[in-house]
Amino acid sequence: MIELADIEEDVSYRRLMCMAHSLQLVIKKAIRYDNLLVKVHRIVSRIRKSSMAVEKLERKTGKVLSDNSTRWHSTYRMSERITEIRDAVNEVMTEQKLTHCSSVNGQG
């Protein structure tokens, strides 16, 4: 019967980080330096702070804008959604007088 002590001696490393987690950490740091993603995140944050804006945007598009700091793919999906519904986002931001970065079209 093989004992744990025998296995530990044969293994040259004691800890191997999860590749998916390492990738997540690298992407999370890189996202902080992408100006367009920072702008998108700020726009989404402004909308999410206003329940009226969230409600109007959901009524107009049926889509919710959000991301999750532990899942980098959610940032990608959030960026994809805001691109799809940018006209409605601009309209809601104008109606609710939420201002940041003149528009979602990349100006400002």
C-alpha atoms as a PDB file:
ATOM      1  CA  MET A   1       0.000   0.000   0.000  1.00  0.00           C
ATOM      2  CA  ILE A   2       1.310   3.454  -0.955  1.00  0.00           C
ATOM      3  CA  GLU A   3       1.556   5.990   1.830  1.00  0.00           C
ATOM      4  CA  LEU A   4       1.174   9.755   1.520  1.00  0.00           C
ATOM      5  CA  ALA A   5       4.792  10.299   2.634  1.00  0.00           C
ATOM      6  CA  ASP A   6       6.023   8.207  -0.317  1.00  0.00           C
ATOM      7  CA  ILE A   7       3.980  10.239  -2.798  1.00  0.00           C
ATOM      8  CA  GLU A   8       5.205  13.567  -1.389  1.00  0.00           C
ATOM      9  CA  GLU A   9       8.832  12.538  -1.871  1.00  0.00           C
ATOM     10  CA  ASP A  10       8.221  11.705  -5.544  1.00  0.00           C
ATOM     11  CA  VAL A  11       6.528  15.017  -6.306  1.00  0.00           C
ATOM     12  CA  SER A  12       9.024  17.808  -6.957  1.00  0.00           C
ATOM     13  CA  TYR A  13       6.551  20.588  -6.245  1.00  0.00           C
ATOM     14  CA  ARG A  14       4.164  21.021  -3.361  1.00  0.00           C
ATOM     15  CA  ARG A  15       1.786  23.591  -4.791  1.00  0.00           C
ATOM     16  CA  LEU A  16       0.642  24.222  -8.325  1.00  0.00           C
ATOM     17  CA  MET A  17      -1.575  27.265  -8.785  1.00  0.00           C
ATOM     18  CA  CYS A  18      -4.766  26.838 -10.732  1.00  0.00           C
ATOM     19  CA  MET A  19      -4.171  28.102 -14.274  1.00  0.00           C
ATOM     20  CA  ALA A  20      -7.694  29.530 -14.551  1.00  0.00           C
ATOM     21  CA  HIS A  21      -7.215  31.519 -11.354  1.00  0.00           C
ATOM     22  CA  SER A  22      -3.843  32.836 -12.537  1.00  0.00           C
ATOM     23  CA  LEU A  23      -5.397  33.895 -15.834  1.00  0.00           C
ATOM     24  CA  GLN A  24      -8.229  35.615 -13.936  1.00  0.00           C
ATOM     25  CA  LEU A  25      -5.744  37.633 -11.866  1.00  0.00           C
ATOM     26  CA  VAL A  26      -3.755  38.740 -14.918  1.00  0.00           C
ATOM     27  CA  ILE A  27      -6.856  39.778 -16.873  1.00  0.00           C
ATOM     28  CA  LYS A  28      -8.317  41.602 -13.868  1.00  0.00           C
ATOM     29  CA  LYS A  29      -5.145  43.701 -13.558  1.00  0.00           C
ATOM     30  CA  ALA A  30      -4.982  44.378 -17.303  1.00  0.00           C
ATOM     31  CA  ILE A  31      -8.606  45.545 -17.410  1.00  0.00           C
ATOM     32  CA  ARG A  32      -7.807  48.341 -14.949  1.00  0.00           C
ATOM     33  CA  TYR A  33      -5.492  49.923 -17.521  1.00  0.00           C
ATOM     34  CA  ASP A  34      -7.831  49.779 -20.510  1.00  0.00           C
ATOM     35  CA  ASN A  35      -9.331  53.273 -20.752  1.00  0.00           C
ATOM     36  CA  LEU A  36     -12.352  52.157 -22.746  1.00  0.00           C
ATOM     37  CA  LEU A  37     -13.245  49.439 -20.226  1.00  0.00           C
ATOM     38  CA  VAL A  38     -12.774  51.891 -17.362  1.00  0.00           C
ATOM     39  CA  LYS A  39     -15.160  54.292 -19.119  1.00  0.00           C
ATOM     40  CA  VAL A  40     -17.737  51.537 -19.752  1.00  0.00           C
ATOM     41  CA  HIS A  41     -17.536  50.426 -16.124  1.00  0.00           C
ATOM     42  CA  ARG A  42     -18.102  53.996 -14.908  1.00  0.00           C
ATOM     43  CA  ILE A  43     -21.116  54.446 -17.185  1.00  0.00           C
ATOM     44  CA  VAL A  44     -22.615  51.170 -15.984  1.00  0.00           C
ATOM     45  CA  SER A  45     -21.931  52.140 -12.358  1.00  0.00           C
ATOM     46  CA  ARG A  46     -23.748  55.451 -12.850  1.00  0.00           C
ATOM     47  CA  ILE A  47     -26.763  53.686 -14.331  1.00  0.00           C
ATOM     48  CA  ARG A  48     -26.832  50.987 -11.636  1.00  0.00           C
ATOM     49  CA  LYS A  49     -26.859  53.617  -8.869  1.00  0.00           C
ATOM     50  CA  SER A  50     -30.185  54.921 -10.163  1.00  0.00           C
ATOM     51  CA  SER A  51     -33.067  52.494  -9.778  1.00  0.00           C
ATOM     52  CA  MET A  52     -35.113  54.602 -12.208  1.00  0.00           C
ATOM     53  CA  ALA A  53     -32.385  54.380 -14.856  1.00  0.00           C
ATOM     54  CA  VAL A  54     -32.070  50.610 -14.396  1.00  0.00           C
ATOM     55  CA  GLU A  55     -35.846  50.202 -14.664  1.00  0.00           C
ATOM     56  CA  LYS A  56     -36.081  52.340 -17.821  1.00  0.00           C
ATOM     57  CA  LEU A  57     -33.175  50.558 -19.461  1.00  0.00           C
ATOM     58  CA  GLU A  58     -34.667  47.147 -18.664  1.00  0.00           C
ATOM     59  CA  ARG A  59     -38.027  48.239 -20.089  1.00  0.00           C
ATOM     60  CA  LYS A  60     -36.427  49.552 -23.280  1.00  0.00           C
ATOM     61  CA  THR A  61     -33.977  46.715 -23.898  1.00  0.00           C
ATOM     62  CA  GLY A  62     -34.717  43.859 -21.519  1.00  0.00           C
ATOM     63  CA  LYS A  63     -31.021  43.785 -20.699  1.00  0.00           C
ATOM     64  CA  VAL A  64     -29.175  44.428 -17.473  1.00  0.00           C
ATOM     65  CA  LEU A  65     -25.699  45.907 -17.443  1.00  0.00           C
ATOM     66  CA  SER A  66     -23.354  44.564 -14.816  1.00  0.00           C
ATOM     67  CA  ASP A  67     -20.111  42.776 -14.272  1.00  0.00           C
ATOM     68  CA  ASN A  68     -18.577  40.768 -11.510  1.00  0.00           C
ATOM     69  CA  SER A  69     -15.080  41.406 -10.200  1.00  0.00           C
ATOM     70  CA  THR A  70     -14.333  37.706  -9.824  1.00  0.00           C
ATOM     71  CA  ARG A  71     -15.337  36.739 -13.357  1.00  0.00           C
ATOM     72  CA  TRP A  72     -13.434  38.520 -16.132  1.00  0.00           C
ATOM     73  CA  HIS A  73     -15.813  37.135 -18.734  1.00  0.00           C
ATOM     74  CA  SER A  74     -18.617  39.169 -17.139  1.00  0.00           C
ATOM     75  CA  THR A  75     -16.689  42.335 -18.054  1.00  0.00           C
ATOM     76  CA  TYR A  76     -16.553  41.137 -21.644  1.00  0.00           C
ATOM     77  CA  ARG A  77     -20.293  40.414 -21.636  1.00  0.00           C
ATOM     78  CA  MET A  78     -21.031  43.810 -20.053  1.00  0.00           C
ATOM     79  CA  SER A  79     -19.012  45.543 -22.791  1.00  0.00           C
ATOM     80  CA  GLU A  80     -20.780  43.522 -25.450  1.00  0.00           C
ATOM     81  CA  ARG A  81     -24.225  44.411 -24.018  1.00  0.00           C
ATOM     82  CA  ILE A  82     -23.509  48.130 -23.736  1.00  0.00           C
ATOM     83  CA  THR A  83     -22.382  48.135 -27.362  1.00  0.00           C
ATOM     84  CA  GLU A  84     -25.604  46.430 -28.455  1.00  0.00           C
ATOM     85  CA  ILE A  85     -27.834  48.886 -26.573  1.00  0.00           C
ATOM     86  CA  ARG A  86     -25.725  52.054 -26.661  1.00  0.00           C
ATOM     87  CA  ASP A  87     -28.536  54.194 -28.114  1.00  0.00           C
ATOM     88  CA  ALA A  88     -30.878  53.218 -25.276  1.00  0.00           C
ATOM     89  CA  VAL A  89     -28.090  53.789 -22.718  1.00  0.00           C
ATOM     90  CA  ASN A  90     -27.434  57.288 -24.087  1.00  0.00           C
ATOM     91  CA  GLU A  91     -31.167  58.016 -24.075  1.00  0.00           C
ATOM     92  CA  VAL A  92     -31.639  56.845 -20.464  1.00  0.00           C
ATOM     93  CA  MET A  93     -28.559  58.724 -19.284  1.00  0.00           C
ATOM     94  CA  THR A  94     -29.848  61.903 -20.932  1.00  0.00           C
ATOM     95  CA  GLU A  95     -33.375  61.469 -19.513  1.00  0.00           C
ATOM     96  CA  GLN A  96     -32.058  60.802 -16.008  1.00  0.00           C
ATOM     97  CA  LYS A  97     -29.405  63.537 -16.304  1.00  0.00           C
ATOM     98  CA  LEU A  98     -26.658  61.031 -15.568  1.00  0.00           C
ATOM     99  CA  THR A  99     -23.543  62.500 -17.037  1.00  0.00           C
ATOM    100  CA  HIS A 100     -20.211  60.899 -17.562  1.00  0.00           C
ATOM    101  CA  CYS A 101     -18.061  60.766 -20.672  1.00  0.00           C
ATOM    102  CA  SER A 102     -20.472  62.586 -22.985  1.00  0.00           C
ATOM    103  CA  SER A 103     -21.681  59.317 -24.566  1.00  0.00           C
ATOM    104  CA  VAL A 104     -21.196  55.595 -24.960  1.00  0.00           C
ATOM    105  CA  ASN A 105     -20.084  56.060 -28.564  1.00  0.00           C
ATOM    106  CA  GLY A 106     -16.508  56.606 -27.390  1.00  0.00           C
ATOM    107  CA  GLN A 107     -16.509  60.402 -27.496  1.00  0.00           C
ATOM    108  CA  GLY A 108     -15.469  62.465 -24.542  1.00  0.00           C
END
